[in-house]
N, C-alpha and C. Protein backbone atom coordinates (compact mmCIF):
# COMPACT_ATOMS: atom_id res chain seq x y z
N MET A 1 -33.62 -10.47 -19.04
CA MET A 1 -33.14 -9.46 -18.19
C MET A 1 -31.82 -8.93 -18.60
N THR A 2 -31.57 -7.27 -18.64
CA THR A 2 -30.67 -6.82 -18.60
C THR A 2 -29.66 -6.43 -17.80
N THR A 3 -28.14 -6.00 -18.04
CA THR A 3 -27.21 -5.42 -17.41
C THR A 3 -27.92 -3.97 -16.52
N ALA A 4 -28.69 -3.30 -16.75
CA ALA A 4 -29.17 -2.37 -16.18
C ALA A 4 -30.59 -2.65 -15.22
N PHE A 5 -31.43 -3.77 -15.41
CA PHE A 5 -32.00 -3.91 -14.82
C PHE A 5 -31.43 -4.51 -13.11
N PHE A 6 -30.46 -5.25 -13.46
CA PHE A 6 -29.23 -5.47 -12.19
C PHE A 6 -28.78 -4.87 -11.28
N ILE A 7 -28.69 -3.49 -12.25
CA ILE A 7 -27.64 -2.58 -11.67
C ILE A 7 -28.67 -1.75 -10.84
N GLU A 8 -29.89 -1.46 -11.46
CA GLU A 8 -30.82 -0.48 -10.78
C GLU A 8 -31.27 -1.43 -9.62
N ILE A 9 -31.57 -2.81 -9.91
CA ILE A 9 -31.83 -3.44 -8.28
C ILE A 9 -30.85 -2.97 -7.19
N ALA A 10 -29.36 -3.53 -7.43
CA ALA A 10 -28.47 -2.98 -6.83
C ALA A 10 -28.34 -1.60 -6.27
N ASN A 11 -28.80 -0.89 -6.97
CA ASN A 11 -28.67 0.62 -6.53
C ASN A 11 -29.91 0.98 -5.79
N LYS A 12 -31.06 0.35 -5.65
CA LYS A 12 -32.06 0.56 -5.12
C LYS A 12 -31.80 -0.29 -3.41
N VAL A 13 -31.16 -1.49 -3.95
CA VAL A 13 -31.03 -2.02 -2.55
C VAL A 13 -29.83 -1.73 -1.47
N ALA A 14 -28.86 -1.95 -1.91
CA ALA A 14 -27.28 -1.43 -1.43
C ALA A 14 -27.26 0.16 -0.91
N ASN A 15 -26.01 0.11 -0.59
CA ASN A 15 -25.62 1.24 -0.25
C ASN A 15 -25.49 2.17 -1.44
N PRO A 16 -25.80 3.34 -1.93
CA PRO A 16 -25.08 3.52 -3.24
C PRO A 16 -23.53 3.60 -3.72
N ASP A 17 -23.11 3.92 -2.44
CA ASP A 17 -21.69 4.63 -2.37
C ASP A 17 -20.78 3.11 -2.75
N ILE A 18 -21.24 2.15 -1.97
CA ILE A 18 -20.53 1.01 -1.93
C ILE A 18 -20.63 0.20 -3.39
N VAL A 19 -22.19 0.64 -3.85
CA VAL A 19 -22.36 0.06 -5.42
C VAL A 19 -21.92 0.47 -6.52
N HIS A 20 -21.45 2.02 -5.78
CA HIS A 20 -20.72 3.28 -7.16
C HIS A 20 -19.44 2.32 -7.18
N TYR A 21 -18.56 1.91 -5.73
CA TYR A 21 -17.03 1.76 -6.14
C TYR A 21 -16.87 0.42 -6.14
N LEU A 22 -18.06 -0.81 -6.35
CA LEU A 22 -17.89 -1.74 -6.75
C LEU A 22 -17.94 -1.85 -8.05
N ALA A 23 -18.78 -0.91 -8.97
CA ALA A 23 -19.02 -1.06 -10.52
C ALA A 23 -17.19 -0.05 -10.65
N THR A 24 -16.58 0.90 -10.19
CA THR A 24 -15.31 1.28 -10.69
C THR A 24 -14.32 -0.04 -10.27
N LEU A 25 -14.92 -0.66 -9.34
CA LEU A 25 -13.84 -2.14 -9.25
C LEU A 25 -14.08 -2.54 -10.71
N PHE A 26 -15.06 -3.16 -10.67
CA PHE A 26 -15.41 -4.08 -12.02
C PHE A 26 -14.89 -3.27 -13.04
N GLY A 27 -14.72 -2.15 -13.30
CA GLY A 27 -14.40 -1.31 -14.34
C GLY A 27 -12.68 -1.70 -14.73
N ALA A 28 -11.98 -1.34 -13.35
CA ALA A 28 -10.54 -1.55 -13.20
C ALA A 28 -9.93 -2.63 -13.74
N ILE A 29 -10.96 -4.05 -13.05
CA ILE A 29 -10.36 -4.85 -13.21
C ILE A 29 -10.80 -5.60 -14.70
N ALA A 30 -12.16 -5.24 -15.37
CA ALA A 30 -12.15 -5.41 -16.94
C ALA A 30 -10.82 -4.94 -17.28
N MET A 31 -10.77 -3.37 -17.46
CA MET A 31 -9.83 -2.95 -18.26
C MET A 31 -8.42 -3.34 -18.26
N TYR A 32 -8.13 -3.83 -16.90
CA TYR A 32 -6.97 -4.45 -16.69
C TYR A 32 -6.35 -5.77 -17.59
N ILE A 33 -7.58 -6.64 -17.61
CA ILE A 33 -7.58 -7.79 -18.47
C ILE A 33 -7.34 -7.51 -19.80
N PHE A 34 -8.11 -6.44 -20.26
CA PHE A 34 -8.39 -5.79 -21.69
C PHE A 34 -6.59 -5.78 -21.98
N SER A 35 -6.26 -4.80 -21.27
CA SER A 35 -4.87 -4.14 -21.36
C SER A 35 -3.82 -5.33 -21.27
N LEU A 36 -4.00 -6.26 -20.51
CA LEU A 36 -2.85 -7.21 -21.08
C LEU A 36 -2.46 -7.74 -22.45
N PHE A 37 -3.79 -7.96 -22.95
CA PHE A 37 -3.58 -7.74 -24.70
C PHE A 37 -2.77 -7.19 -25.06
N LYS A 38 -2.78 -5.82 -24.88
CA LYS A 38 -1.93 -4.76 -25.59
C LYS A 38 -0.33 -4.58 -24.98
N GLY A 39 -0.03 -5.34 -24.18
CA GLY A 39 1.29 -5.38 -23.75
C GLY A 39 1.31 -4.73 -22.68
N PHE A 40 0.64 -4.28 -21.60
CA PHE A 40 0.49 -3.64 -20.35
C PHE A 40 1.35 -4.25 -19.58
N GLU A 41 2.21 -3.77 -18.89
CA GLU A 41 3.12 -4.35 -17.61
C GLU A 41 2.77 -4.03 -16.28
N GLY A 42 1.70 -2.90 -16.09
CA GLY A 42 1.28 -2.78 -14.90
C GLY A 42 2.54 -2.38 -14.00
N ALA A 43 2.46 -2.51 -12.58
CA ALA A 43 3.68 -2.44 -11.88
C ALA A 43 4.78 -3.26 -11.80
N THR A 44 4.56 -3.97 -12.92
CA THR A 44 5.46 -5.38 -12.53
C THR A 44 6.56 -5.21 -12.59
N PRO A 45 7.58 -4.37 -13.54
CA PRO A 45 8.67 -3.84 -13.61
C PRO A 45 9.19 -3.68 -11.96
N ALA A 46 8.42 -2.25 -11.25
CA ALA A 46 8.55 -1.90 -10.26
C ALA A 46 8.92 -2.97 -9.13
N LEU A 47 7.78 -3.79 -9.02
CA LEU A 47 7.85 -4.79 -7.85
C LEU A 47 8.96 -5.65 -8.28
N ARG A 48 9.27 -5.94 -9.42
CA ARG A 48 11.03 -6.86 -9.74
C ARG A 48 12.05 -6.12 -8.65
N LYS A 49 11.88 -4.66 -8.68
CA LYS A 49 13.39 -4.14 -8.06
C LYS A 49 12.69 -4.27 -6.45
N LEU A 50 11.55 -3.65 -6.20
CA LEU A 50 11.04 -3.95 -4.87
C LEU A 50 11.27 -5.66 -4.23
N PHE A 51 11.06 -5.89 -4.88
CA PHE A 51 11.15 -7.73 -4.13
C PHE A 51 11.52 -8.69 -5.02
N PRO A 52 12.92 -8.92 -5.09
CA PRO A 52 13.56 -9.51 -6.28
C PRO A 52 13.31 -11.07 -5.79
N ASN A 53 13.81 -12.00 -6.93
CA ASN A 53 13.78 -13.18 -6.83
C ASN A 53 12.52 -13.77 -6.17
N ARG A 54 11.20 -13.40 -6.66
CA ARG A 54 10.37 -13.79 -6.49
C ARG A 54 9.52 -14.72 -7.38
N SER A 55 8.59 -15.30 -7.59
CA SER A 55 8.14 -16.58 -8.66
C SER A 55 7.22 -15.23 -9.70
N GLN A 56 7.05 -15.92 -10.62
CA GLN A 56 6.07 -14.96 -11.66
C GLN A 56 4.84 -14.65 -10.98
N VAL A 57 4.24 -15.78 -10.79
CA VAL A 57 2.74 -15.55 -10.25
C VAL A 57 2.73 -14.78 -9.30
N TYR A 58 3.94 -14.73 -7.98
CA TYR A 58 3.96 -13.69 -7.24
C TYR A 58 3.65 -11.79 -8.20
N TYR A 59 4.48 -11.46 -8.89
CA TYR A 59 4.30 -10.61 -9.30
C TYR A 59 2.88 -10.24 -10.22
N ASP A 60 2.46 -11.32 -10.93
CA ASP A 60 1.13 -11.41 -11.46
C ASP A 60 -0.07 -10.70 -10.64
N ARG A 61 0.28 -11.34 -9.51
CA ARG A 61 -1.01 -11.44 -8.60
C ARG A 61 -1.10 -9.90 -7.70
N LEU A 62 0.52 -9.53 -7.25
CA LEU A 62 0.46 -8.42 -6.79
C LEU A 62 0.27 -7.44 -7.56
N ASP A 63 0.43 -7.18 -8.87
CA ASP A 63 0.22 -6.42 -9.54
C ASP A 63 -0.83 -6.14 -10.10
N PHE A 64 -2.07 -7.25 -9.90
CA PHE A 64 -3.34 -7.16 -10.13
C PHE A 64 -3.92 -6.45 -9.19
N LEU A 65 -3.93 -6.92 -8.20
CA LEU A 65 -4.31 -6.38 -6.89
C LEU A 65 -3.93 -4.72 -6.86
N LEU A 66 -2.73 -4.31 -6.70
CA LEU A 66 -1.89 -3.17 -7.02
C LEU A 66 -2.79 -2.21 -7.53
N VAL A 67 -2.87 -2.69 -9.31
CA VAL A 67 -3.69 -2.10 -9.96
C VAL A 67 -4.81 -2.15 -9.91
N THR A 68 -5.47 -2.74 -9.48
CA THR A 68 -6.89 -2.63 -9.62
C THR A 68 -7.85 -1.95 -8.44
N VAL A 69 -7.43 -2.67 -7.06
CA VAL A 69 -7.47 -1.75 -6.01
C VAL A 69 -7.59 -0.53 -6.06
N CYS A 70 -6.29 -0.16 -6.08
CA CYS A 70 -5.42 1.09 -6.31
C CYS A 70 -6.53 2.08 -6.97
N GLY A 71 -6.65 1.41 -8.67
CA GLY A 71 -6.74 2.01 -9.32
C GLY A 71 -8.66 2.53 -9.00
N SER A 72 -9.11 1.52 -8.73
CA SER A 72 -10.90 2.27 -8.16
C SER A 72 -10.95 2.60 -7.00
N ILE A 73 -9.55 2.89 -6.10
CA ILE A 73 -9.65 3.85 -5.20
C ILE A 73 -9.80 5.32 -5.57
N ILE A 74 -8.29 5.43 -6.54
CA ILE A 74 -8.52 6.60 -7.18
C ILE A 74 -9.18 6.96 -8.13
N GLY A 75 -9.98 5.93 -8.44
CA GLY A 75 -11.13 6.56 -9.81
C GLY A 75 -12.03 6.68 -9.31
N THR A 76 -12.79 6.42 -7.89
CA THR A 76 -13.86 6.79 -7.13
C THR A 76 -13.40 8.36 -6.63
N ILE A 77 -12.14 8.67 -5.99
CA ILE A 77 -11.85 9.65 -5.37
C ILE A 77 -11.70 10.39 -6.44
N PHE A 78 -11.05 10.45 -7.84
CA PHE A 78 -11.02 11.52 -8.63
C PHE A 78 -12.41 11.88 -9.20
N PHE A 79 -13.27 11.08 -9.80
CA PHE A 79 -14.65 11.25 -10.32
C PHE A 79 -15.73 11.34 -9.56
N GLN A 80 -15.64 10.58 -8.49
CA GLN A 80 -17.11 11.01 -7.00
C GLN A 80 -18.63 10.48 -8.15
N PRO A 81 -18.25 8.98 -8.75
CA PRO A 81 -19.21 8.21 -9.76
C PRO A 81 -21.14 8.50 -8.77
N HIS A 82 -21.81 9.07 -9.63
CA HIS A 82 -22.98 9.37 -8.55
C HIS A 82 -23.65 7.95 -9.05
N ASP A 83 -23.46 6.98 -9.97
CA ASP A 83 -23.97 6.14 -9.97
C ASP A 83 -23.51 4.80 -10.53
N SER A 84 -23.70 3.86 -11.27
CA SER A 84 -22.68 3.12 -11.34
C SER A 84 -22.42 3.28 -12.95
N LEU A 85 -22.90 3.49 -13.21
CA LEU A 85 -22.07 3.48 -14.82
C LEU A 85 -21.18 4.55 -14.85
N GLN A 86 -21.25 5.55 -14.10
CA GLN A 86 -19.96 6.78 -13.69
C GLN A 86 -19.00 5.98 -13.41
N GLY A 87 -19.38 4.98 -12.31
CA GLY A 87 -18.14 4.22 -11.73
C GLY A 87 -17.85 3.35 -12.74
N LEU A 88 -18.20 2.63 -13.34
CA LEU A 88 -17.60 1.52 -14.53
C LEU A 88 -16.79 2.73 -15.45
N SER A 89 -17.24 3.50 -15.83
CA SER A 89 -16.21 4.55 -16.55
C SER A 89 -15.17 5.12 -16.08
N ALA A 90 -15.31 5.57 -14.60
CA ALA A 90 -14.12 5.41 -13.93
C ALA A 90 -12.94 4.79 -13.70
N GLY A 91 -13.32 3.34 -13.46
CA GLY A 91 -12.38 2.34 -13.17
C GLY A 91 -11.89 1.98 -14.76
N PHE A 92 -12.56 2.10 -15.97
CA PHE A 92 -12.27 1.74 -17.16
C PHE A 92 -11.03 2.93 -17.18
N GLY A 93 -11.34 4.20 -17.05
CA GLY A 93 -10.63 5.05 -17.35
C GLY A 93 -9.35 4.96 -16.80
N TRP A 94 -9.26 4.94 -15.39
CA TRP A 94 -8.14 5.10 -14.68
C TRP A 94 -7.09 3.60 -15.44
N VAL A 95 -7.70 2.64 -15.39
CA VAL A 95 -6.61 1.46 -16.23
C VAL A 95 -6.34 1.55 -17.21
N GLY A 96 -7.30 2.39 -18.37
CA GLY A 96 -6.75 2.91 -19.48
C GLY A 96 -6.08 4.03 -19.39
N ALA A 97 -6.07 4.94 -18.81
CA ALA A 97 -5.02 5.83 -18.88
C ALA A 97 -3.41 5.54 -18.16
N LEU A 98 -3.32 4.47 -17.06
CA LEU A 98 -2.33 4.19 -17.02
C LEU A 98 -1.58 3.18 -17.93
N SER A 99 -2.66 2.49 -18.53
CA SER A 99 -2.01 1.62 -19.87
C SER A 99 -1.30 2.34 -20.82
N VAL A 100 -2.20 3.60 -21.12
CA VAL A 100 -1.19 4.26 -22.11
C VAL A 100 -0.19 4.92 -21.75
N LEU A 101 -0.20 5.52 -20.73
CA LEU A 101 1.00 6.13 -19.85
C LEU A 101 2.13 5.09 -19.80
N THR A 102 2.06 4.23 -19.67
CA THR A 102 3.36 2.78 -19.15
C THR A 102 3.64 2.43 -20.36
N ASN A 103 2.92 1.86 -21.22
CA ASN A 103 3.30 1.39 -22.16
C ASN A 103 4.41 1.96 -23.58
N PRO A 104 5.37 1.51 -23.50
CA PRO A 104 6.70 2.04 -23.95
C PRO A 104 5.87 2.03 -25.74
N LYS A 105 5.39 1.09 -26.33
CA LYS A 105 4.85 1.28 -27.71
C LYS A 105 3.95 2.30 -27.79
N MET A 106 3.40 2.66 -27.07
CA MET A 106 2.12 3.66 -27.07
C MET A 106 3.27 5.34 -26.90
N ALA A 107 4.31 4.89 -25.99
CA ALA A 107 4.94 6.37 -25.69
C ALA A 107 5.92 6.97 -27.07
N GLY A 108 6.45 5.92 -27.67
CA GLY A 108 6.74 5.98 -29.32
C GLY A 108 6.34 6.45 -29.81
N GLN A 109 4.86 6.06 -30.05
CA GLN A 109 4.18 6.76 -31.08
C GLN A 109 3.53 8.13 -30.66
N ASN A 110 3.43 8.42 -29.24
CA ASN A 110 3.05 9.94 -29.15
C ASN A 110 4.10 11.08 -28.78
N SER A 111 5.13 10.14 -29.38
CA SER A 111 6.91 11.57 -29.42
C SER A 111 6.62 11.58 -30.75
N GLN A 112 6.15 11.02 -31.61
CA GLN A 112 6.30 11.78 -33.49
C GLN A 112 5.30 12.55 -33.66
N THR A 113 5.63 13.32 -34.46
CA THR A 113 5.22 14.66 -34.91
C THR A 113 3.95 14.35 -36.16
N VAL A 114 3.63 14.88 -35.98
CA VAL A 114 2.57 14.88 -37.42
C VAL A 114 2.92 15.97 -37.98
N LYS A 115 2.92 15.36 -39.60
CA LYS A 115 3.76 16.45 -40.50
C LYS A 115 1.90 17.04 -41.05
N PRO A 116 1.51 18.57 -41.60
CA PRO A 116 0.18 18.75 -42.12
C PRO A 116 0.60 17.99 -43.49
N SER A 117 -1.10 17.95 -44.43
CA SER A 117 -0.66 17.40 -45.23
C SER A 117 -0.61 18.51 -46.32
N GLY A 118 -0.32 18.39 -47.56
CA GLY A 118 -0.07 19.13 -48.12
C GLY A 118 0.92 20.09 -48.38
N THR A 119 2.01 19.68 -47.78
CA THR A 119 3.16 20.75 -47.38
C THR A 119 4.44 20.34 -48.26
N GLY A 120 3.88 19.29 -49.27
CA GLY A 120 5.08 18.68 -49.94
C GLY A 120 6.63 17.90 -49.76
N ASP A 121 6.15 17.63 -48.52
CA ASP A 121 7.11 16.68 -47.77
C ASP A 121 7.15 15.65 -47.72
């Protein structure tokens, strides 16, 4: 049995809007976990300023909930998925874009200019 089979069953049995939202939520969670390996800090720096003197576990859990739940809601509103694959892509896209935009390593790479080849420089 493949994932497509289970998605098809879920689409037929449950409310399609809920299934699409859950697919978006799953995509956001998966991309959040993958992004952690690339230095993604999420909302943790802002949470440390808003709620000082808390444990690291507090910040980690609150960041996870904020990024994934808010991300799945924003992904659902922006992309209005009509099937589970679109929902999954919306979840991936939201957290992936947030990861790139907030990662200082990526910001440094984006600010570099690319010289055309063959200019003799």
